[in-house]
């Protein structure tokens, strides 16, 4: 859940691109491939779209990656919660190989880079 009273939309984007996602990888994140694994931003309104557009432009201008940024702004499609066995998967299965290899490093990076935002 995103609560703008607790974290700004800009900070949310900063965490997303510095910890969670590689914006230069088209239709893939880690070992997962397909359009459902693309990096995309789904702004909720014009204000968020303006912030997201400016942030993507800033990232592109900074040339932090060797490849171009492929993350796109998209309209929010219908939302469907993941299957029950996917809900809270990391908390329920912290030793699962997928979690250990792909997700725990991101959690560690979040804790290290953004200690004020971290909560167990």
PDB file of N, CA and C in Angstrom:
ATOM      1  N   UNK A   1       0.843  -1.179   0.000  1.00  0.00           N
ATOM      2  CA  UNK A   1       0.000   0.000   0.000  1.00  0.00           C
ATOM      3  C   UNK A   1       0.887   1.240   0.000  1.00  0.00           C
ATOM      4  N   UNK A   2       0.549   2.179  -0.825  1.00  0.00           N
ATOM      5  CA  UNK A   2       1.279   3.444  -0.901  1.00  0.00           C
ATOM      6  C   UNK A   2       0.496   4.503  -0.139  1.00  0.00           C
ATOM      7  N   UNK A   3       1.135   5.086   0.861  1.00  0.00           N
ATOM      8  CA  UNK A   3       0.519   6.140   1.656  1.00  0.00           C
ATOM      9  C   UNK A   3       1.375   7.393   1.500  1.00  0.00           C
ATOM     10  N   UNK A   4       0.928   8.381   0.723  1.00  0.00           N
ATOM     11  CA  UNK A   4       1.736   9.579   0.485  1.00  0.00           C
ATOM     12  C   UNK A   4       1.992  10.397   1.749  1.00  0.00           C
ATOM     13  N   UNK A   5       1.289  10.118   2.832  1.00  0.00           N
ATOM     14  CA  UNK A   5       1.573  10.801   4.099  1.00  0.00           C
ATOM     15  C   UNK A   5       2.820  10.221   4.762  1.00  0.00           C
ATOM     16  N   UNK A   6       3.234   9.013   4.323  1.00  0.00           N
ATOM     17  CA  UNK A   6       4.395   8.355   4.927  1.00  0.00           C
ATOM     18  C   UNK A   6       5.634   8.397   4.040  1.00  0.00           C
ATOM     19  N   UNK A   7       5.427   8.404   2.718  1.00  0.00           N
ATOM     20  CA  UNK A   7       6.545   8.448   1.772  1.00  0.00           C
ATOM     21  C   UNK A   7       6.070   9.178   0.524  1.00  0.00           C
ATOM     22  N   UNK A   8       6.937   9.999  -0.014  1.00  0.00           N
ATOM     23  CA  UNK A   8       6.546  10.744  -1.211  1.00  0.00           C
ATOM     24  C   UNK A   8       6.578   9.815  -2.430  1.00  0.00           C
ATOM     25  N   UNK A   9       5.842  10.216  -3.443  1.00  0.00           N
ATOM     26  CA  UNK A   9       5.834   9.452  -4.689  1.00  0.00           C
ATOM     27  C   UNK A   9       7.229   9.450  -5.307  1.00  0.00           C
ATOM     28  N   UNK A  10       7.926  10.581  -5.222  1.00  0.00           N
ATOM     29  CA  UNK A  10       9.295  10.666  -5.753  1.00  0.00           C
ATOM     30  C   UNK A  10      10.220   9.694  -5.020  1.00  0.00           C
ATOM     31  N   UNK A  11      10.090   9.610  -3.702  1.00  0.00           N
ATOM     32  CA  UNK A  11      10.909   8.653  -2.946  1.00  0.00           C
ATOM     33  C   UNK A  11      10.566   7.214  -3.319  1.00  0.00           C
ATOM     34  N   UNK A  12       9.310   6.957  -3.554  1.00  0.00           N
ATOM     35  CA  UNK A  12       8.891   5.619  -3.976  1.00  0.00           C
ATOM     36  C   UNK A  12       9.554   5.252  -5.307  1.00  0.00           C
ATOM     37  N   UNK A  13       9.601   6.176  -6.238  1.00  0.00           N
ATOM     38  CA  UNK A  13      10.269   5.939  -7.523  1.00  0.00           C
ATOM     39  C   UNK A  13      11.768   5.733  -7.324  1.00  0.00           C
ATOM     40  N   UNK A  14      12.363   6.516  -6.445  1.00  0.00           N
ATOM     41  CA  UNK A  14      13.801   6.392  -6.186  1.00  0.00           C
ATOM     42  C   UNK A  14      14.129   5.001  -5.640  1.00  0.00           C
ATOM     43  N   UNK A  15      13.339   4.520  -4.716  1.00  0.00           N
ATOM     44  CA  UNK A  15      13.554   3.172  -4.170  1.00  0.00           C
ATOM     45  C   UNK A  15      13.332   2.128  -5.259  1.00  0.00           C
ATOM     46  N   UNK A  16      12.281   2.282  -6.024  1.00  0.00           N
ATOM     47  CA  UNK A  16      11.969   1.316  -7.076  1.00  0.00           C
ATOM     48  C   UNK A  16      13.148   1.141  -8.036  1.00  0.00           C
ATOM     49  N   UNK A  17      13.712   2.253  -8.486  1.00  0.00           N
ATOM     50  CA  UNK A  17      14.783   2.153  -9.481  1.00  0.00           C
ATOM     51  C   UNK A  17      16.163   1.893  -8.891  1.00  0.00           C
ATOM     52  N   UNK A  18      16.367   2.160  -7.633  1.00  0.00           N
ATOM     53  CA  UNK A  18      17.687   1.895  -7.060  1.00  0.00           C
ATOM     54  C   UNK A  18      17.763   0.543  -6.363  1.00  0.00           C
ATOM     55  N   UNK A  19      16.626  -0.042  -6.029  1.00  0.00           N
ATOM     56  CA  UNK A  19      16.631  -1.305  -5.295  1.00  0.00           C
ATOM     57  C   UNK A  19      15.890  -2.416  -6.039  1.00  0.00           C
ATOM     58  N   UNK A  20      14.746  -2.129  -6.584  1.00  0.00           N
ATOM     59  CA  UNK A  20      13.846  -3.170  -7.069  1.00  0.00           C
ATOM     60  C   UNK A  20      14.059  -3.549  -8.527  1.00  0.00           C
ATOM     61  N   UNK A  21      14.132  -2.566  -9.405  1.00  0.00           N
ATOM     62  CA  UNK A  21      14.027  -2.851 -10.828  1.00  0.00           C
ATOM     63  C   UNK A  21      15.217  -2.355 -11.635  1.00  0.00           C
ATOM     64  N   UNK A  22      15.524  -3.090 -12.688  1.00  0.00           N
ATOM     65  CA  UNK A  22      16.502  -2.649 -13.681  1.00  0.00           C
ATOM     66  C   UNK A  22      15.703  -2.053 -14.831  1.00  0.00           C
ATOM     67  N   UNK A  23      15.726  -0.737 -14.977  1.00  0.00           N
ATOM     68  CA  UNK A  23      14.889  -0.091 -15.990  1.00  0.00           C
ATOM     69  C   UNK A  23      15.377  -0.287 -17.419  1.00  0.00           C
ATOM     70  N   UNK A  24      16.488  -0.991 -17.608  1.00  0.00           N
ATOM     71  CA  UNK A  24      17.019  -1.198 -18.959  1.00  0.00           C
ATOM     72  C   UNK A  24      16.695  -2.578 -19.505  1.00  0.00           C
ATOM     73  N   UNK A  25      16.053  -3.396 -18.720  1.00  0.00           N
ATOM     74  CA  UNK A  25      15.743  -4.761 -19.142  1.00  0.00           C
ATOM     75  C   UNK A  25      14.301  -4.828 -19.625  1.00  0.00           C
ATOM     76  N   UNK A  26      14.119  -5.162 -20.880  1.00  0.00           N
ATOM     77  CA  UNK A  26      12.775  -5.228 -21.462  1.00  0.00           C
ATOM     78  C   UNK A  26      12.143  -6.582 -21.183  1.00  0.00           C
ATOM     79  N   UNK A  27      10.997  -6.559 -20.548  1.00  0.00           N
ATOM     80  CA  UNK A  27      10.192  -7.768 -20.306  1.00  0.00           C
ATOM     81  C   UNK A  27      10.932  -8.849 -19.529  1.00  0.00           C
ATOM     82  N   UNK A  28      11.743  -8.438 -18.572  1.00  0.00           N
ATOM     83  CA  UNK A  28      12.441  -9.407 -17.728  1.00  0.00           C
ATOM     84  C   UNK A  28      12.911  -8.729 -16.455  1.00  0.00           C
ATOM     85  N   UNK A  29      12.863  -9.479 -15.375  1.00  0.00           N
ATOM     86  CA  UNK A  29      13.456  -9.069 -14.113  1.00  0.00           C
ATOM     87  C   UNK A  29      14.050 -10.325 -13.501  1.00  0.00           C
ATOM     88  N   UNK A  30      15.370 -10.321 -13.318  1.00  0.00           N
ATOM     89  CA  UNK A  30      16.028 -11.519 -12.793  1.00  0.00           C
ATOM     90  C   UNK A  30      15.799 -12.683 -13.735  1.00  0.00           C
ATOM     91  N   UNK A  31      15.423 -13.836 -13.190  1.00  0.00           N
ATOM     92  CA  UNK A  31      15.241 -15.019 -14.032  1.00  0.00           C
ATOM     93  C   UNK A  31      13.875 -15.084 -14.724  1.00  0.00           C
ATOM     94  N   UNK A  32      13.005 -14.120 -14.440  1.00  0.00           N
ATOM     95  CA  UNK A  32      11.646 -14.142 -14.967  1.00  0.00           C
ATOM     96  C   UNK A  32      11.543 -13.336 -16.252  1.00  0.00           C
ATOM     97  N   UNK A  33      10.849 -13.901 -17.230  1.00  0.00           N
ATOM     98  CA  UNK A  33      10.731 -13.258 -18.543  1.00  0.00           C
ATOM     99  C   UNK A  33       9.281 -13.254 -19.004  1.00  0.00           C
ATOM    100  N   UNK A  34       8.915 -12.232 -19.729  1.00  0.00           N
ATOM    101  CA  UNK A  34       7.571 -12.065 -20.257  1.00  0.00           C
ATOM    102  C   UNK A  34       7.101 -10.648 -20.003  1.00  0.00           C
ATOM    103  N   UNK A  35       6.067 -10.243 -20.704  1.00  0.00           N
ATOM    104  CA  UNK A  35       5.602  -8.861 -20.576  1.00  0.00           C
ATOM    105  C   UNK A  35       5.148  -8.531 -19.163  1.00  0.00           C
ATOM    106  N   UNK A  36       4.724  -9.540 -18.393  1.00  0.00           N
ATOM    107  CA  UNK A  36       4.296  -9.280 -17.018  1.00  0.00           C
ATOM    108  C   UNK A  36       5.467  -8.938 -16.101  1.00  0.00           C
ATOM    109  N   UNK A  37       6.703  -9.072 -16.602  1.00  0.00           N
ATOM    110  CA  UNK A  37       7.894  -8.735 -15.823  1.00  0.00           C
ATOM    111  C   UNK A  37       8.565  -7.454 -16.314  1.00  0.00           C
ATOM    112  N   UNK A  38       7.876  -6.696 -17.162  1.00  0.00           N
ATOM    113  CA  UNK A  38       8.430  -5.434 -17.643  1.00  0.00           C
ATOM    114  C   UNK A  38       8.458  -4.438 -16.494  1.00  0.00           C
ATOM    115  N   UNK A  39       9.350  -3.458 -16.611  1.00  0.00           N
ATOM    116  CA  UNK A  39       9.296  -2.357 -15.662  1.00  0.00           C
ATOM    117  C   UNK A  39       8.342  -1.321 -16.235  1.00  0.00           C
ATOM    118  N   UNK A  40       7.375  -0.977 -15.436  1.00  0.00           N
ATOM    119  CA  UNK A  40       6.371  -0.002 -15.860  1.00  0.00           C
ATOM    120  C   UNK A  40       5.937   0.805 -14.645  1.00  0.00           C
ATOM    121  N   UNK A  41       5.505   2.004 -14.907  1.00  0.00           N
ATOM    122  CA  UNK A  41       4.972   2.867 -13.862  1.00  0.00           C
ATOM    123  C   UNK A  41       3.521   3.132 -14.228  1.00  0.00           C
ATOM    124  N   UNK A  42       2.649   2.990 -13.252  1.00  0.00           N
ATOM    125  CA  UNK A  42       1.221   3.178 -13.449  1.00  0.00           C
ATOM    126  C   UNK A  42       0.759   4.364 -12.597  1.00  0.00           C
ATOM    127  N   UNK A  43       0.990   5.591 -13.071  1.00  0.00           N
ATOM    128  CA  UNK A  43       0.629   6.760 -12.261  1.00  0.00           C
ATOM    129  C   UNK A  43      -0.877   6.848 -12.046  1.00  0.00           C
ATOM    130  N   UNK A  44      -1.218   7.297 -10.871  1.00  0.00           N
ATOM    131  CA  UNK A  44      -2.621   7.489 -10.517  1.00  0.00           C
ATOM    132  C   UNK A  44      -2.909   8.988 -10.557  1.00  0.00           C
ATOM    133  N   UNK A  45      -3.112   9.496 -11.742  1.00  0.00           N
ATOM    134  CA  UNK A  45      -3.425  10.909 -11.900  1.00  0.00           C
ATOM    135  C   UNK A  45      -2.300  11.686 -12.559  1.00  0.00           C
ATOM    136  N   UNK A  46      -2.640  12.927 -12.928  1.00  0.00           N
ATOM    137  CA  UNK A  46      -1.703  13.780 -13.662  1.00  0.00           C
ATOM    138  C   UNK A  46      -0.480  14.154 -12.833  1.00  0.00           C
ATOM    139  N   UNK A  47      -0.659  14.399 -11.550  1.00  0.00           N
ATOM    140  CA  UNK A  47       0.475  14.801 -10.707  1.00  0.00           C
ATOM    141  C   UNK A  47       1.529  13.692 -10.652  1.00  0.00           C
ATOM    142  N   UNK A  48       1.096  12.462 -10.434  1.00  0.00           N
ATOM    143  CA  UNK A  48       2.045  11.346 -10.411  1.00  0.00           C
ATOM    144  C   UNK A  48       2.680  11.146 -11.782  1.00  0.00           C
ATOM    145  N   UNK A  49       1.912  11.291 -12.837  1.00  0.00           N
ATOM    146  CA  UNK A  49       2.461  11.128 -14.187  1.00  0.00           C
ATOM    147  C   UNK A  49       3.542  12.177 -14.450  1.00  0.00           C
ATOM    148  N   UNK A  50       3.332  13.396 -14.004  1.00  0.00           N
ATOM    149  CA  UNK A  50       4.328  14.454 -14.185  1.00  0.00           C
ATOM    150  C   UNK A  50       5.614  14.122 -13.434  1.00  0.00           C
ATOM    151  N   UNK A  51       5.480  13.684 -12.186  1.00  0.00           N
ATOM    152  CA  UNK A  51       6.651  13.316 -11.381  1.00  0.00           C
ATOM    153  C   UNK A  51       7.381  12.137 -12.023  1.00  0.00           C
ATOM    154  N   UNK A  52       6.644  11.125 -12.450  1.00  0.00           N
ATOM    155  CA  UNK A  52       7.255   9.932 -13.047  1.00  0.00           C
ATOM    156  C   UNK A  52       7.965  10.272 -14.354  1.00  0.00           C
ATOM    157  N   UNK A  53       7.345  11.068 -15.187  1.00  0.00           N
ATOM    158  CA  UNK A  53       7.949  11.470 -16.462  1.00  0.00           C
ATOM    159  C   UNK A  53       9.260  12.227 -16.206  1.00  0.00           C
ATOM    160  N   UNK A  54       9.235  13.144 -15.251  1.00  0.00           N
ATOM    161  CA  UNK A  54      10.431  13.922 -14.920  1.00  0.00           C
ATOM    162  C   UNK A  54      11.521  13.017 -14.342  1.00  0.00           C
ATOM    163  N   UNK A  55      11.132  12.052 -13.527  1.00  0.00           N
ATOM    164  CA  UNK A  55      12.117  11.151 -12.934  1.00  0.00           C
ATOM    165  C   UNK A  55      12.774  10.282 -14.005  1.00  0.00           C
ATOM    166  N   UNK A  56      11.979   9.746 -14.920  1.00  0.00           N
ATOM    167  CA  UNK A  56      12.545   8.945 -16.014  1.00  0.00           C
ATOM    168  C   UNK A  56      13.497   9.785 -16.866  1.00  0.00           C
ATOM    169  N   UNK A  57      13.130  11.027 -17.128  1.00  0.00           N
ATOM    170  CA  UNK A  57      14.006  11.914 -17.908  1.00  0.00           C
ATOM    171  C   UNK A  57      15.311  12.170 -17.155  1.00  0.00           C
ATOM    172  N   UNK A  58      15.205  12.371 -15.861  1.00  0.00           N
ATOM    173  CA  UNK A  58      16.393  12.601 -15.033  1.00  0.00           C
ATOM    174  C   UNK A  58      17.299  11.367 -15.040  1.00  0.00           C
ATOM    175  N   UNK A  59      16.721  10.195 -14.909  1.00  0.00           N
ATOM    176  CA  UNK A  59      17.514   8.953 -14.957  1.00  0.00           C
ATOM    177  C   UNK A  59      18.203   8.813 -16.313  1.00  0.00           C
ATOM    178  N   UNK A  60      17.474   9.088 -17.379  1.00  0.00           N
ATOM    179  CA  UNK A  60      18.057   8.979 -18.713  1.00  0.00           C
ATOM    180  C   UNK A  60      19.208   9.951 -18.910  1.00  0.00           C
ATOM    181  N   UNK A  61      19.040  11.162 -18.436  1.00  0.00           N
ATOM    182  CA  UNK A  61      20.080  12.179 -18.584  1.00  0.00           C
ATOM    183  C   UNK A  61      21.319  11.848 -17.752  1.00  0.00           C
ATOM    184  N   UNK A  62      21.124  11.165 -16.632  1.00  0.00           N
ATOM    185  CA  UNK A  62      22.248  10.819 -15.751  1.00  0.00           C
ATOM    186  C   UNK A  62      23.111   9.700 -16.333  1.00  0.00           C
ATOM    187  N   UNK A  63      22.561   8.958 -17.273  1.00  0.00           N
ATOM    188  CA  UNK A  63      23.296   7.866 -17.930  1.00  0.00           C
ATOM    189  C   UNK A  63      23.959   6.921 -16.918  1.00  0.00           C
ATOM    190  N   UNK A  64      23.148   6.465 -15.956  1.00  0.00           N
ATOM    191  CA  UNK A  64      23.642   5.551 -14.928  1.00  0.00           C
ATOM    192  C   UNK A  64      23.834   4.135 -15.460  1.00  0.00           C
ATOM    193  N   UNK A  65      23.180   3.821 -16.561  1.00  0.00           N
ATOM    194  CA  UNK A  65      23.253   2.491 -17.150  1.00  0.00           C
ATOM    195  C   UNK A  65      23.854   2.580 -18.543  1.00  0.00           C
ATOM    196  N   UNK A  66      24.451   1.501 -18.982  1.00  0.00           N
ATOM    197  CA  UNK A  66      25.039   1.448 -20.325  1.00  0.00           C
ATOM    198  C   UNK A  66      23.974   1.330 -21.415  1.00  0.00           C
ATOM    199  N   UNK A  67      22.817   0.800 -21.057  1.00  0.00           N
ATOM    200  CA  UNK A  67      21.728   0.607 -22.021  1.00  0.00           C
ATOM    201  C   UNK A  67      20.635   1.644 -21.793  1.00  0.00           C
ATOM    202  N   UNK A  68      19.792   1.871 -22.778  1.00  0.00           N
ATOM    203  CA  UNK A  68      18.714   2.850 -22.608  1.00  0.00           C
ATOM    204  C   UNK A  68      17.643   2.347 -21.640  1.00  0.00           C
ATOM    205  N   UNK A  69      16.972   3.283 -21.018  1.00  0.00           N
ATOM    206  CA  UNK A  69      15.866   2.960 -20.119  1.00  0.00           C
ATOM    207  C   UNK A  69      14.651   2.589 -20.960  1.00  0.00           C
ATOM    208  N   UNK A  70      14.037   1.461 -20.653  1.00  0.00           N
ATOM    209  CA  UNK A  70      12.875   0.984 -21.404  1.00  0.00           C
ATOM    210  C   UNK A  70      11.586   1.014 -20.571  1.00  0.00           C
ATOM    211  N   UNK A  71      11.686   1.474 -19.344  1.00  0.00           N
ATOM    212  CA  UNK A  71      10.502   1.586 -18.484  1.00  0.00           C
ATOM    213  C   UNK A  71       9.530   2.574 -19.108  1.00  0.00           C
ATOM    214  N   UNK A  72       8.264   2.233 -19.115  1.00  0.00           N
ATOM    215  CA  UNK A  72       7.238   3.075 -19.721  1.00  0.00           C
ATOM    216  C   UNK A  72       6.182   3.465 -18.692  1.00  0.00           C
ATOM    217  N   UNK A  73       5.568   4.607 -18.938  1.00  0.00           N
ATOM    218  CA  UNK A  73       4.380   4.995 -18.186  1.00  0.00           C
ATOM    219  C   UNK A  73       3.190   4.345 -18.869  1.00  0.00           C
ATOM    220  N   UNK A  74       2.339   3.715 -18.091  1.00  0.00           N
ATOM    221  CA  UNK A  74       1.184   3.023 -18.657  1.00  0.00           C
ATOM    222  C   UNK A  74      -0.067   3.342 -17.845  1.00  0.00           C
ATOM    223  N   UNK A  75      -1.197   3.176 -18.498  1.00  0.00           N
ATOM    224  CA  UNK A  75      -2.472   3.297 -17.782  1.00  0.00           C
ATOM    225  C   UNK A  75      -2.640   2.069 -16.898  1.00  0.00           C
ATOM    226  N   UNK A  76      -3.257   2.286 -15.767  1.00  0.00           N
ATOM    227  CA  UNK A  76      -3.470   1.177 -14.829  1.00  0.00           C
ATOM    228  C   UNK A  76      -4.502   0.217 -15.399  1.00  0.00           C
ATOM    229  N   UNK A  77      -4.070  -1.031 -15.653  1.00  0.00           N
ATOM    230  CA  UNK A  77      -5.037  -2.025 -16.114  1.00  0.00           C
ATOM    231  C   UNK A  77      -5.834  -2.551 -14.924  1.00  0.00           C
ATOM    232  N   UNK A  78      -6.721  -3.454 -15.176  1.00  0.00           N
ATOM    233  CA  UNK A  78      -7.436  -4.093 -14.071  1.00  0.00           C
ATOM    234  C   UNK A  78      -6.413  -4.776 -13.171  1.00  0.00           C
ATOM    235  N   UNK A  79      -6.639  -4.718 -11.878  1.00  0.00           N
ATOM    236  CA  UNK A  79      -5.716  -5.326 -10.922  1.00  0.00           C
ATOM    237  C   UNK A  79      -6.297  -6.626 -10.413  1.00  0.00           C
ATOM    238  N   UNK A  80      -5.477  -7.665 -10.434  1.00  0.00           N
ATOM    239  CA  UNK A  80      -5.884  -8.960  -9.918  1.00  0.00           C
ATOM    240  C   UNK A  80      -4.855  -9.408  -8.892  1.00  0.00           C
ATOM    241  N   UNK A  81      -5.267  -9.662  -7.662  1.00  0.00           N
ATOM    242  CA  UNK A  81      -4.303 -10.133  -6.662  1.00  0.00           C
ATOM    243  C   UNK A  81      -3.693 -11.467  -7.095  1.00  0.00           C
ATOM    244  N   UNK A  82      -2.454 -11.667  -6.692  1.00  0.00           N
ATOM    245  CA  UNK A  82      -1.787 -12.939  -6.987  1.00  0.00           C
ATOM    246  C   UNK A  82      -2.488 -14.071  -6.243  1.00  0.00           C
ATOM    247  N   UNK A  83      -2.233 -15.279  -6.702  1.00  0.00           N
ATOM    248  CA  UNK A  83      -2.788 -16.449  -6.045  1.00  0.00           C
ATOM    249  C   UNK A  83      -2.361 -16.472  -4.584  1.00  0.00           C
ATOM    250  N   UNK A  84      -3.159 -17.126  -3.756  1.00  0.00           N
ATOM    251  CA  UNK A  84      -2.904 -17.175  -2.320  1.00  0.00           C
ATOM    252  C   UNK A  84      -1.512 -17.657  -1.957  1.00  0.00           C
ATOM    253  N   UNK A  85      -1.000 -18.651  -2.683  1.00  0.00           N
ATOM    254  CA  UNK A  85       0.320 -19.173  -2.336  1.00  0.00           C
ATOM    255  C   UNK A  85       1.442 -18.181  -2.631  1.00  0.00           C
ATOM    256  N   UNK A  86       1.165 -17.144  -3.433  1.00  0.00           N
ATOM    257  CA  UNK A  86       2.160 -16.101  -3.675  1.00  0.00           C
ATOM    258  C   UNK A  86       2.121 -14.992  -2.622  1.00  0.00           C
ATOM    259  N   UNK A  87       1.011 -14.871  -1.906  1.00  0.00           N
ATOM    260  CA  UNK A  87       0.868 -13.796  -0.933  1.00  0.00           C
ATOM    261  C   UNK A  87       1.863 -13.982   0.213  1.00  0.00           C
ATOM    262  N   UNK A  88       2.613 -12.931   0.537  1.00  0.00           N
ATOM    263  CA  UNK A  88       3.588 -12.947   1.628  1.00  0.00           C
ATOM    264  C   UNK A  88       4.591 -14.089   1.480  1.00  0.00           C
ATOM    265  N   UNK A  89       4.969 -14.400   0.247  1.00  0.00           N
ATOM    266  CA  UNK A  89       5.833 -15.546  -0.034  1.00  0.00           C
ATOM    267  C   UNK A  89       7.185 -15.425   0.663  1.00  0.00           C
ATOM    268  N   UNK A  90       7.786 -14.245   0.631  1.00  0.00           N
ATOM    269  CA  UNK A  90       9.086 -14.066   1.276  1.00  0.00           C
ATOM    270  C   UNK A  90       8.991 -14.334   2.772  1.00  0.00           C
ATOM    271  N   UNK A  91       7.975 -13.801   3.425  1.00  0.00           N
ATOM    272  CA  UNK A  91       7.817 -13.999   4.873  1.00  0.00           C
ATOM    273  C   UNK A  91       7.563 -15.468   5.217  1.00  0.00           C
ATOM    274  N   UNK A  92       6.824 -16.150   4.363  1.00  0.00           N
ATOM    275  CA  UNK A  92       6.489 -17.560   4.626  1.00  0.00           C
ATOM    276  C   UNK A  92       7.602 -18.517   4.225  1.00  0.00           C
ATOM    277  N   UNK A  93       8.435 -18.122   3.258  1.00  0.00           N
ATOM    278  CA  UNK A  93       9.465 -19.014   2.715  1.00  0.00           C
ATOM    279  C   UNK A  93      10.806 -18.290   2.570  1.00  0.00           C
ATOM    280  N   UNK A  94      11.369 -17.769   3.668  1.00  0.00           N
ATOM    281  CA  UNK A  94      12.600 -16.971   3.549  1.00  0.00           C
ATOM    282  C   UNK A  94      13.807 -17.757   3.036  1.00  0.00           C
ATOM    283  N   UNK A  95      13.764 -19.087   3.121  1.00  0.00           N
ATOM    284  CA  UNK A  95      14.885 -19.911   2.664  1.00  0.00           C
ATOM    285  C   UNK A  95      14.676 -20.501   1.271  1.00  0.00           C
ATOM    286  N   UNK A  96      13.580 -20.155   0.640  1.00  0.00           N
ATOM    287  CA  UNK A  96      13.315 -20.664  -0.714  1.00  0.00           C
ATOM    288  C   UNK A  96      14.424 -20.139  -1.641  1.00  0.00           C
ATOM    289  N   UNK A  97      14.978 -20.984  -2.511  1.00  0.00           N
ATOM    290  CA  UNK A  97      16.084 -20.544  -3.383  1.00  0.00           C
ATOM    291  C   UNK A  97      15.781 -19.275  -4.184  1.00  0.00           C
ATOM    292  N   UNK A  98      14.582 -19.137  -4.704  1.00  0.00           N
ATOM    293  CA  UNK A  98      14.244 -17.925  -5.467  1.00  0.00           C
ATOM    294  C   UNK A  98      14.369 -16.691  -4.581  1.00  0.00           C
ATOM    295  N   UNK A  99      13.868 -16.787  -3.367  1.00  0.00           N
ATOM    296  CA  UNK A  99      13.921 -15.672  -2.426  1.00  0.00           C
ATOM    297  C   UNK A  99      15.366 -15.341  -2.071  1.00  0.00           C
ATOM    298  N   UNK A 100      16.144 -16.361  -1.751  1.00  0.00           N
ATOM    299  CA  UNK A 100      17.537 -16.158  -1.339  1.00  0.00           C
ATOM    300  C   UNK A 100      18.339 -15.480  -2.450  1.00  0.00           C
ATOM    301  N   UNK A 101      18.165 -15.935  -3.686  1.00  0.00           N
ATOM    302  CA  UNK A 101      18.968 -15.430  -4.802  1.00  0.00           C
ATOM    303  C   UNK A 101      18.451 -14.100  -5.341  1.00  0.00           C
ATOM    304  N   UNK A 102      17.138 -13.944  -5.472  1.00  0.00           N
ATOM    305  CA  UNK A 102      16.584 -12.784  -6.172  1.00  0.00           C
ATOM    306  C   UNK A 102      16.009 -11.689  -5.282  1.00  0.00           C
ATOM    307  N   UNK A 103      15.434 -12.060  -4.163  1.00  0.00           N
ATOM    308  CA  UNK A 103      14.722 -11.064  -3.362  1.00  0.00           C
ATOM    309  C   UNK A 103      15.470 -10.601  -2.117  1.00  0.00           C
ATOM    310  N   UNK A 104      16.140 -11.508  -1.417  1.00  0.00           N
ATOM    311  CA  UNK A 104      16.849 -11.082  -0.215  1.00  0.00           C
ATOM    312  C   UNK A 104      17.906 -10.021  -0.503  1.00  0.00           C
ATOM    313  N   UNK A 105      18.642 -10.094  -1.626  1.00  0.00           N
ATOM    314  CA  UNK A 105      19.593  -9.004  -1.911  1.00  0.00           C
ATOM    315  C   UNK A 105      18.904  -7.641  -2.048  1.00  0.00           C
ATOM    316  N   UNK A 106      17.689  -7.632  -2.566  1.00  0.00           N
ATOM    317  CA  UNK A 106      16.948  -6.373  -2.682  1.00  0.00           C
ATOM    318  C   UNK A 106      16.517  -5.869  -1.306  1.00  0.00           C
ATOM    319  N   UNK A 107      16.103  -6.772  -0.448  1.00  0.00           N
ATOM    320  CA  UNK A 107      15.725  -6.385   0.912  1.00  0.00           C
ATOM    321  C   UNK A 107      16.946  -5.847   1.658  1.00  0.00           C
ATOM    322  N   UNK A 108      18.077  -6.513   1.487  1.00  0.00           N
ATOM    323  CA  UNK A 108      19.314  -6.058   2.112  1.00  0.00           C
ATOM    324  C   UNK A 108      19.698  -4.671   1.600  1.00  0.00           C
ATOM    325  N   UNK A 109      19.573  -4.449   0.300  1.00  0.00           N
ATOM    326  CA  UNK A 109      19.883  -3.139  -0.285  1.00  0.00           C
ATOM    327  C   UNK A 109      18.931  -2.070   0.240  1.00  0.00           C
ATOM    328  N   UNK A 110      17.667  -2.391   0.355  1.00  0.00           N
ATOM    329  CA  UNK A 110      16.691  -1.440   0.894  1.00  0.00           C
ATOM    330  C   UNK A 110      17.077  -1.037   2.311  1.00  0.00           C
ATOM    331  N   UNK A 111      17.385  -2.009   3.127  1.00  0.00           N
ATOM    332  CA  UNK A 111      17.763  -1.749   4.519  1.00  0.00           C
ATOM    333  C   UNK A 111      19.034  -0.888   4.595  1.00  0.00           C
ATOM    334  N   UNK A 112      19.997  -1.171   3.713  1.00  0.00           N
ATOM    335  CA  UNK A 112      21.276  -0.448   3.720  1.00  0.00           C
ATOM    336  C   UNK A 112      21.138   0.966   3.147  1.00  0.00           C
ATOM    337  N   UNK A 113      20.448   1.102   2.011  1.00  0.00           N
ATOM    338  CA  UNK A 113      20.359   2.391   1.329  1.00  0.00           C
ATOM    339  C   UNK A 113      19.328   3.344   1.941  1.00  0.00           C
ATOM    340  N   UNK A 114      18.284   2.793   2.517  1.00  0.00           N
ATOM    341  CA  UNK A 114      17.186   3.607   3.027  1.00  0.00           C
ATOM    342  C   UNK A 114      16.797   3.179   4.446  1.00  0.00           C
ATOM    343  N   UNK A 115      17.715   3.301   5.382  1.00  0.00           N
ATOM    344  CA  UNK A 115      17.408   2.830   6.739  1.00  0.00           C
ATOM    345  C   UNK A 115      16.205   3.532   7.371  1.00  0.00           C
ATOM    346  N   UNK A 116      15.971   4.788   7.033  1.00  0.00           N
ATOM    347  CA  UNK A 116      14.835   5.492   7.603  1.00  0.00           C
ATOM    348  C   UNK A 116      13.503   4.962   7.076  1.00  0.00           C
ATOM    349  N   UNK A 117      13.518   4.345   5.904  1.00  0.00           N
ATOM    350  CA  UNK A 117      12.290   3.796   5.327  1.00  0.00           C
ATOM    351  C   UNK A 117      12.087   2.327   5.706  1.00  0.00           C
ATOM    352  N   UNK A 118      13.122   1.711   6.219  1.00  0.00           N
ATOM    353  CA  UNK A 118      13.077   0.265   6.491  1.00  0.00           C
ATOM    354  C   UNK A 118      12.242  -0.033   7.733  1.00  0.00           C
ATOM    355  N   UNK A 119      11.471  -1.083   7.630  1.00  0.00           N
ATOM    356  CA  UNK A 119      10.807  -1.668   8.802  1.00  0.00           C
ATOM    357  C   UNK A 119      10.721  -3.157   8.566  1.00  0.00           C
ATOM    358  N   UNK A 120      10.904  -3.906   9.617  1.00  0.00           N
ATOM    359  CA  UNK A 120      10.905  -5.372   9.507  1.00  0.00           C
ATOM    360  C   UNK A 120       9.505  -5.879   9.221  1.00  0.00           C
TER     361      UNK A 120
END
